[in-house]
Amino acid sequence: MAERVGGLRKLGFLTIGLFDGAEPRAGHEATLEVIELGERLGFDSAWVRHRHLQYGISSPVAVLAAASQRTSRIHLGTAVIPLGWENPLRLAEDLATVDVLSGGRLNPGVSVGPPIHFDAVKDALYPDTADVEDFSYTRVRRLLDLVRGETASRFGGAEGFEVYSDRVQPHSPGLGNRLWYGGGSLSSARWAGENGMNFLTSSVVKAERSEDFEQIQLSHIHEFRAHHPDGDLARVSQGLVVIPTDSATAEQRAKYLAYAESRLPRTAVPQGPQRMMFAPDIVGTSAEIAERLHAHAAFREVSEVAFALPFAFEPADYLQILTDIATHLGPTLGWQPTA
């Protein structure tokens, strides 16, 4: 079991970045403002979700490039980029560019698998190669190698006035150590460990050996660290939805409780043919949430978290939730804001 020294050390949050299809700029601007707020409050990291063909962030690397120019300290992550939609070489170039622009603050989280609704989108995404695309962990391995500076081309050197590199440019040396795998199964946890990545635990997991969410998430942490070269020191960030109500109005508290209640049935039993388990949302005062987290089997083994903001709340709600997390919940869990 990994020992947490002095409680929670790194506190982050995750936002989905919704927008109105008729006026997308406002939603993207709101996302950037939330990230700026997170930096002012001392959060260690801000993460954005990735949504293709939806009214959410379809290009998190571009959004985080903008965020990198409006912040100076907070780390910026993706949770997660589905690599089935990406060319690993081109993505490696984009990630390295934003990492350089941010001063080494990018934390790319990725996952694999076929794109969602692949049969409906494959003619637009891979019109000539859909039947031969490899959506396995090999796609992550390619990205890892390219980000870490492995050879990308058999040609390098001068050709007339042009100079070519045989590896991805720009090269950002520390980026390879800040790549995360977002996993919800034992096999993904094992693969991430074997390949020396960091691990983002998911709030949606496969019920493989248990139907107890906490025990499933705990088993993923153990599996990851058992196969990682750094063992118990390997970085794991836990993902849960927590909604503190310390400074919430009565109206906000009622809305938060109704939101969590509406989502609770899906947490009781595995959902769908893949038997997915969802984490229940945790709503209450910071003291109440801290008590539940201290009793949470997976939370007790991590020193980093990225608490997910609920979907479709108002800016005033996010202000209250993030402020309470930073000023009440975080310190109750042993965390101190970064100056």
Protein backbone atom coordinates (compact mmCIF):
# COMPACT_ATOMS: atom_id res chain seq x y z
CA MET A 1 0.00 0.00 0.00
CA ALA A 2 1.35 3.42 -0.97
CA GLU A 3 1.84 5.79 1.95
CA ARG A 4 0.47 9.29 1.67
CA VAL A 5 2.79 11.76 3.35
CA GLY A 6 0.88 14.64 4.94
CA GLY A 7 -2.42 13.83 3.21
CA LEU A 8 -3.46 15.04 -0.20
CA ARG A 9 -0.57 16.65 -2.11
CA LYS A 10 -2.01 17.59 -5.52
CA LEU A 11 -5.51 18.89 -6.10
CA GLY A 12 -7.03 19.23 -9.56
CA PHE A 13 -10.42 19.58 -11.18
CA LEU A 14 -12.00 18.41 -14.43
CA THR A 15 -14.46 20.37 -16.57
CA ILE A 16 -16.43 19.29 -19.63
CA GLY A 17 -16.60 22.70 -21.35
CA LEU A 18 -20.11 22.66 -22.80
CA PHE A 19 -21.24 25.28 -25.32
CA ASP A 20 -24.24 26.40 -27.36
CA GLY A 21 -23.91 25.13 -30.92
CA ALA A 22 -25.24 28.44 -32.23
CA GLU A 23 -22.73 30.43 -30.19
CA PRO A 24 -19.69 28.26 -29.39
CA ARG A 25 -17.31 31.03 -28.35
CA ALA A 26 -19.13 31.76 -25.10
CA GLY A 27 -18.75 28.18 -23.84
CA HIS A 28 -15.07 28.01 -24.72
CA GLU A 29 -14.48 31.37 -23.04
CA ALA A 30 -16.27 30.11 -19.94
CA THR A 31 -13.95 27.09 -19.86
CA LEU A 32 -10.89 29.34 -20.02
CA GLU A 33 -12.30 31.50 -17.23
CA VAL A 34 -12.82 28.43 -15.04
CA ILE A 35 -9.17 27.44 -15.60
CA GLU A 36 -8.04 30.96 -14.72
CA LEU A 37 -10.17 30.77 -11.56
CA GLY A 38 -8.53 27.46 -10.67
CA GLU A 39 -5.10 29.03 -10.88
CA ARG A 40 -6.15 31.96 -8.67
CA LEU A 41 -7.50 29.52 -6.09
CA GLY A 42 -4.20 27.60 -6.03
CA PHE A 43 -5.27 24.36 -7.71
CA ASP A 44 -2.38 22.27 -8.97
CA SER A 45 -4.08 21.17 -12.19
CA ALA A 46 -7.06 21.78 -14.47
CA TRP A 47 -8.27 19.05 -16.81
CA VAL A 48 -10.66 19.21 -19.76
CA ARG A 49 -12.82 16.43 -21.13
CA HIS A 50 -12.71 15.50 -24.81
CA ARG A 51 -15.93 15.23 -26.81
CA HIS A 52 -16.11 14.54 -30.56
CA LEU A 53 -19.21 15.53 -32.57
CA GLN A 54 -20.85 16.86 -29.40
CA TYR A 55 -21.28 20.29 -27.87
CA GLY A 56 -18.17 19.95 -25.75
CA ILE A 57 -14.45 20.40 -26.29
CA SER A 58 -13.50 18.63 -29.53
CA SER A 59 -9.99 20.09 -29.59
CA PRO A 60 -8.62 20.15 -26.03
CA VAL A 61 -5.06 20.72 -27.21
CA ALA A 62 -6.15 23.97 -28.88
CA VAL A 63 -8.15 25.04 -25.81
CA LEU A 64 -5.20 24.30 -23.53
CA ALA A 65 -2.89 26.24 -25.85
CA ALA A 66 -5.13 29.25 -25.19
CA ALA A 67 -5.21 28.46 -21.46
CA SER A 68 -1.41 28.29 -21.39
CA GLN A 69 -1.25 31.93 -22.42
CA ARG A 70 -3.75 33.04 -19.78
CA THR A 71 -2.14 31.19 -16.86
CA SER A 72 1.40 30.83 -15.58
CA ARG A 73 1.49 28.06 -13.00
CA ILE A 74 -1.41 25.61 -13.08
CA HIS A 75 -0.82 22.32 -14.92
CA LEU A 76 -3.15 21.63 -17.86
CA GLY A 77 -4.43 18.16 -18.64
CA THR A 78 -6.69 16.20 -20.97
CA ALA A 79 -8.98 13.53 -19.57
CA VAL A 80 -8.84 11.97 -21.99
CA ILE A 81 -7.93 12.16 -25.67
CA PRO A 82 -9.37 9.04 -27.40
CA LEU A 83 -6.55 7.99 -29.69
CA GLY A 84 -8.86 6.18 -32.09
CA TRP A 85 -9.54 9.62 -33.58
CA GLU A 86 -5.88 10.66 -33.79
CA ASN A 87 -2.74 10.21 -35.82
CA PRO A 88 -0.09 9.68 -33.10
CA LEU A 89 2.66 11.52 -34.99
CA ARG A 90 0.55 14.63 -35.59
CA LEU A 91 -0.76 14.54 -32.04
CA ALA A 92 2.80 14.27 -30.71
CA GLU A 93 3.71 17.46 -32.59
CA ASP A 94 0.70 19.32 -31.18
CA LEU A 95 1.31 18.13 -27.62
CA ALA A 96 4.98 19.06 -27.71
CA THR A 97 4.18 22.50 -29.14
CA VAL A 98 1.66 23.30 -26.39
CA ASP A 99 4.00 21.92 -23.75
CA VAL A 100 6.74 24.28 -24.93
CA LEU A 101 4.31 27.22 -25.02
CA SER A 102 3.10 26.41 -21.49
CA GLY A 103 6.57 26.13 -20.02
CA GLY A 104 6.27 22.41 -19.38
CA ARG A 105 2.79 22.30 -17.81
CA LEU A 106 0.92 19.98 -20.18
CA ASN A 107 -0.35 16.64 -18.84
CA PRO A 108 -1.89 14.71 -21.76
CA GLY A 109 -4.23 11.92 -20.76
CA VAL A 110 -5.15 9.40 -23.45
CA SER A 111 -7.09 6.19 -23.99
CA VAL A 112 -7.59 3.68 -26.81
CA GLY A 113 -10.38 1.79 -28.48
CA PRO A 114 -12.49 2.33 -31.59
CA PRO A 115 -14.15 5.74 -31.90
CA ILE A 116 -17.65 5.83 -30.43
CA HIS A 117 -20.34 5.18 -33.08
CA PHE A 118 -17.53 4.09 -35.38
CA ASP A 119 -19.79 2.66 -38.08
CA ALA A 120 -21.51 6.03 -38.37
CA VAL A 121 -18.35 8.12 -38.50
CA LYS A 122 -15.74 5.88 -40.16
CA ASP A 123 -16.44 7.10 -43.71
CA ALA A 124 -15.61 10.67 -42.64
CA LEU A 125 -12.75 9.75 -40.30
CA TYR A 126 -10.99 6.93 -42.17
CA PRO A 127 -12.60 6.70 -45.64
CA ASP A 128 -9.83 4.53 -47.06
CA THR A 129 -8.38 2.71 -44.04
CA ALA A 130 -11.26 2.05 -41.61
CA ASP A 131 -10.96 -1.73 -41.95
CA VAL A 132 -7.25 -1.82 -41.17
CA GLU A 133 -6.88 0.82 -38.45
CA ASP A 134 -5.31 -0.49 -35.24
CA PHE A 135 -7.17 0.79 -32.17
CA SER A 136 -5.18 -1.26 -29.67
CA TYR A 137 -2.56 -0.18 -27.11
CA THR A 138 -0.10 -0.12 -30.02
CA ARG A 139 -1.50 3.32 -30.85
CA VAL A 140 -0.50 4.61 -27.39
CA ARG A 141 2.90 3.01 -27.73
CA ARG A 142 3.47 4.92 -30.96
CA LEU A 143 2.54 8.19 -29.26
CA LEU A 144 4.78 7.46 -26.29
CA ASP A 145 7.77 6.68 -28.47
CA LEU A 146 7.29 9.78 -30.62
CA VAL A 147 6.82 12.13 -27.65
CA ARG A 148 9.87 10.65 -25.94
CA GLY A 149 12.07 11.34 -28.97
CA GLU A 150 12.23 8.05 -30.82
CA THR A 151 12.89 8.13 -34.57
CA ALA A 152 9.92 9.24 -36.64
CA SER A 153 11.54 9.36 -40.07
CA ARG A 154 14.32 7.54 -41.90
CA PHE A 155 15.52 10.88 -43.22
CA GLY A 156 17.21 13.65 -41.28
CA GLY A 157 19.61 16.38 -42.31
CA ALA A 158 19.91 19.14 -44.86
CA GLU A 159 18.21 19.14 -48.23
CA GLY A 160 19.04 22.35 -50.00
CA PHE A 161 17.98 25.21 -47.74
CA GLU A 162 15.69 22.96 -45.70
CA VAL A 163 16.81 21.13 -42.56
CA TYR A 164 14.87 18.07 -41.44
CA SER A 165 14.78 16.26 -38.12
CA ASP A 166 14.31 12.52 -37.81
CA ARG A 167 12.21 12.96 -34.65
CA VAL A 168 9.16 15.03 -33.70
CA GLN A 169 9.79 18.75 -33.37
CA PRO A 170 9.66 20.58 -31.13
CA HIS A 171 10.98 18.06 -28.65
CA SER A 172 9.94 18.74 -25.05
CA PRO A 173 12.12 16.46 -22.89
CA GLY A 174 9.88 16.35 -19.80
CA LEU A 175 6.63 15.68 -21.62
CA GLY A 176 7.18 11.94 -21.81
CA ASN A 177 7.04 11.76 -18.02
CA ARG A 178 3.73 13.64 -17.94
CA LEU A 179 1.70 11.32 -20.15
CA TRP A 180 -1.30 9.69 -18.45
CA TYR A 181 -3.45 6.74 -19.37
CA GLY A 182 -7.12 6.96 -18.44
CA GLY A 183 -8.29 3.47 -17.66
CA GLY A 184 -11.35 1.70 -16.33
CA SER A 185 -10.24 -1.93 -16.49
CA LEU A 186 -7.57 -4.19 -15.04
CA SER A 187 -5.95 -4.67 -18.44
CA SER A 188 -5.61 -0.92 -19.02
CA ALA A 189 -4.17 -0.41 -15.53
CA ARG A 190 -1.66 -3.19 -16.15
CA TRP A 191 -0.65 -1.86 -19.57
CA ALA A 192 -0.17 1.67 -18.26
CA GLY A 193 2.09 0.36 -15.52
CA GLU A 194 4.13 -1.85 -17.83
CA ASN A 195 4.72 1.10 -20.16
CA GLY A 196 5.76 3.57 -17.47
CA MET A 197 2.82 5.94 -17.80
CA ASN A 198 0.93 7.79 -15.09
CA PHE A 199 -2.59 6.52 -14.39
CA LEU A 200 -5.92 8.36 -14.28
CA THR A 201 -8.46 6.24 -12.45
CA SER A 202 -11.91 6.53 -13.95
CA SER A 203 -15.26 7.28 -12.33
CA VAL A 204 -16.63 4.68 -14.77
CA VAL A 205 -15.10 1.19 -14.41
CA LYS A 206 -15.69 -2.36 -15.58
CA ALA A 207 -17.16 -4.75 -13.02
CA GLU A 208 -14.70 -7.58 -13.63
CA ARG A 209 -14.06 -9.15 -10.21
CA SER A 210 -16.43 -7.13 -8.07
CA GLU A 211 -19.54 -4.95 -8.19
CA ASP A 212 -18.24 -2.63 -5.47
CA PHE A 213 -16.97 0.55 -7.14
CA GLU A 214 -14.39 1.37 -4.46
CA GLN A 215 -12.91 -2.12 -4.58
CA ILE A 216 -12.78 -2.05 -8.39
CA GLN A 217 -10.97 1.30 -8.40
CA LEU A 218 -8.62 0.04 -5.69
CA SER A 219 -7.83 -3.09 -7.71
CA HIS A 220 -6.87 -0.89 -10.68
CA ILE A 221 -4.45 1.11 -8.53
CA HIS A 222 -2.86 -2.08 -7.21
CA GLU A 223 -2.63 -3.62 -10.70
CA PHE A 224 -1.04 -0.46 -12.11
CA ARG A 225 1.59 -0.12 -9.39
CA ALA A 226 2.39 -3.83 -9.38
CA HIS A 227 3.52 -3.52 -13.01
CA HIS A 228 5.08 -0.03 -12.96
CA PRO A 229 8.87 0.37 -12.64
CA ASP A 230 8.32 2.89 -9.81
CA GLY A 231 6.04 0.57 -7.85
CA ASP A 232 4.16 2.32 -5.06
CA LEU A 233 5.70 5.65 -6.09
CA ALA A 234 4.02 5.55 -9.51
CA ARG A 235 1.63 8.48 -9.97
CA VAL A 236 -2.10 7.83 -9.75
CA SER A 237 -4.81 10.49 -9.84
CA GLN A 238 -8.25 9.56 -8.56
CA GLY A 239 -11.35 10.76 -10.37
CA LEU A 240 -14.65 11.35 -8.54
CA VAL A 241 -17.46 13.90 -8.61
CA VAL A 242 -17.57 15.83 -5.32
CA ILE A 243 -19.82 18.83 -4.67
CA PRO A 244 -19.14 20.72 -1.43
CA THR A 245 -21.95 22.89 -0.11
CA ASP A 246 -20.19 24.96 2.57
CA SER A 247 -20.98 28.33 0.97
CA ALA A 248 -23.82 27.17 -1.30
CA THR A 249 -27.21 28.86 -1.17
CA ALA A 250 -30.28 26.84 -0.23
CA GLU A 251 -31.27 26.82 -3.90
CA GLN A 252 -27.85 25.52 -4.94
CA ARG A 253 -27.88 22.79 -2.30
CA ALA A 254 -31.29 21.61 -3.50
CA LYS A 255 -30.09 21.57 -7.11
CA TYR A 256 -26.91 19.64 -6.24
CA LEU A 257 -28.79 17.03 -4.24
CA ALA A 258 -31.35 16.59 -7.02
CA TYR A 259 -28.54 16.21 -9.57
CA ALA A 260 -26.81 13.50 -7.53
CA GLU A 261 -30.11 11.75 -6.80
CA SER A 262 -30.98 11.60 -10.50
CA ARG A 263 -27.68 9.87 -11.24
CA LEU A 264 -27.70 7.48 -8.28
CA PRO A 265 -29.63 4.55 -9.84
CA ARG A 266 -26.88 3.90 -12.38
CA THR A 267 -24.38 3.35 -9.55
CA ALA A 268 -26.25 0.42 -7.97
CA VAL A 269 -25.60 -2.32 -10.53
CA PRO A 270 -23.40 -2.81 -13.61
CA GLN A 271 -24.74 -1.08 -16.71
CA GLY A 272 -24.85 -2.40 -20.27
CA PRO A 273 -23.18 -5.38 -21.94
CA GLN A 274 -19.72 -4.28 -20.76
CA ARG A 275 -20.94 -4.17 -17.12
CA MET A 276 -19.83 -0.63 -16.38
CA MET A 277 -20.01 0.70 -12.82
CA PHE A 278 -20.43 4.42 -12.11
CA ALA A 279 -19.15 6.20 -9.02
CA PRO A 280 -21.84 7.92 -6.95
CA ASP A 281 -21.56 11.69 -6.70
CA ILE A 282 -20.60 12.95 -3.23
CA VAL A 283 -22.57 15.99 -2.04
CA GLY A 284 -22.30 17.64 1.38
CA THR A 285 -20.21 19.93 3.51
CA SER A 286 -16.46 19.63 3.20
CA ALA A 287 -16.34 17.88 6.56
CA GLU A 288 -18.92 15.33 5.39
CA ILE A 289 -17.16 14.76 2.07
CA ALA A 290 -13.77 14.40 3.77
CA GLU A 291 -15.21 11.77 6.11
CA ARG A 292 -16.49 9.76 3.16
CA LEU A 293 -13.22 10.11 1.26
CA HIS A 294 -11.11 9.03 4.22
CA ALA A 295 -13.25 5.88 4.31
CA HIS A 296 -12.92 5.38 0.52
CA ALA A 297 -10.64 2.41 -0.17
CA ALA A 298 -9.10 3.92 -3.33
CA PHE A 299 -8.74 7.46 -2.00
CA ARG A 300 -6.64 6.20 0.90
CA GLU A 301 -3.95 5.08 -1.55
CA VAL A 302 -3.56 8.23 -3.65
CA SER A 303 -2.04 11.63 -3.06
CA GLU A 304 -3.48 13.26 -6.19
CA VAL A 305 -7.08 13.86 -7.25
CA ALA A 306 -8.92 15.52 -10.12
CA PHE A 307 -12.46 16.17 -8.89
CA ALA A 308 -14.93 16.38 -11.78
CA LEU A 309 -17.26 19.34 -12.01
CA PRO A 310 -20.89 18.35 -12.71
CA PHE A 311 -22.30 18.82 -16.19
CA ALA A 312 -24.44 21.80 -17.19
CA PHE A 313 -24.24 23.90 -14.03
CA GLU A 314 -24.11 27.68 -14.04
CA PRO A 315 -20.88 29.72 -13.76
CA ALA A 316 -21.93 30.86 -10.26
CA ASP A 317 -22.21 27.21 -9.23
CA TYR A 318 -18.71 26.39 -10.49
CA LEU A 319 -17.35 29.44 -8.69
CA GLN A 320 -18.90 28.28 -5.42
CA ILE A 321 -17.87 24.62 -5.86
CA LEU A 322 -14.27 25.36 -6.82
CA THR A 323 -13.90 27.96 -4.08
CA ASP A 324 -15.20 25.53 -1.45
CA ILE A 325 -12.92 22.76 -2.73
CA ALA A 326 -9.88 25.05 -2.57
CA THR A 327 -10.65 26.81 0.72
CA HIS A 328 -12.50 24.12 2.71
CA LEU A 329 -12.33 20.59 1.33
CA GLY A 330 -8.71 20.61 0.13
CA PRO A 331 -7.25 21.83 3.45
CA THR A 332 -9.47 19.38 5.34
CA LEU A 333 -7.84 16.60 3.30
CA GLY A 334 -4.34 17.90 4.09
CA TRP A 335 -3.77 19.88 0.90
CA GLN A 336 -2.36 23.39 0.75
CA PRO A 337 -2.84 25.73 -2.22
CA THR A 338 0.11 26.54 -4.41
CA ALA A 339 1.16 30.19 -4.24
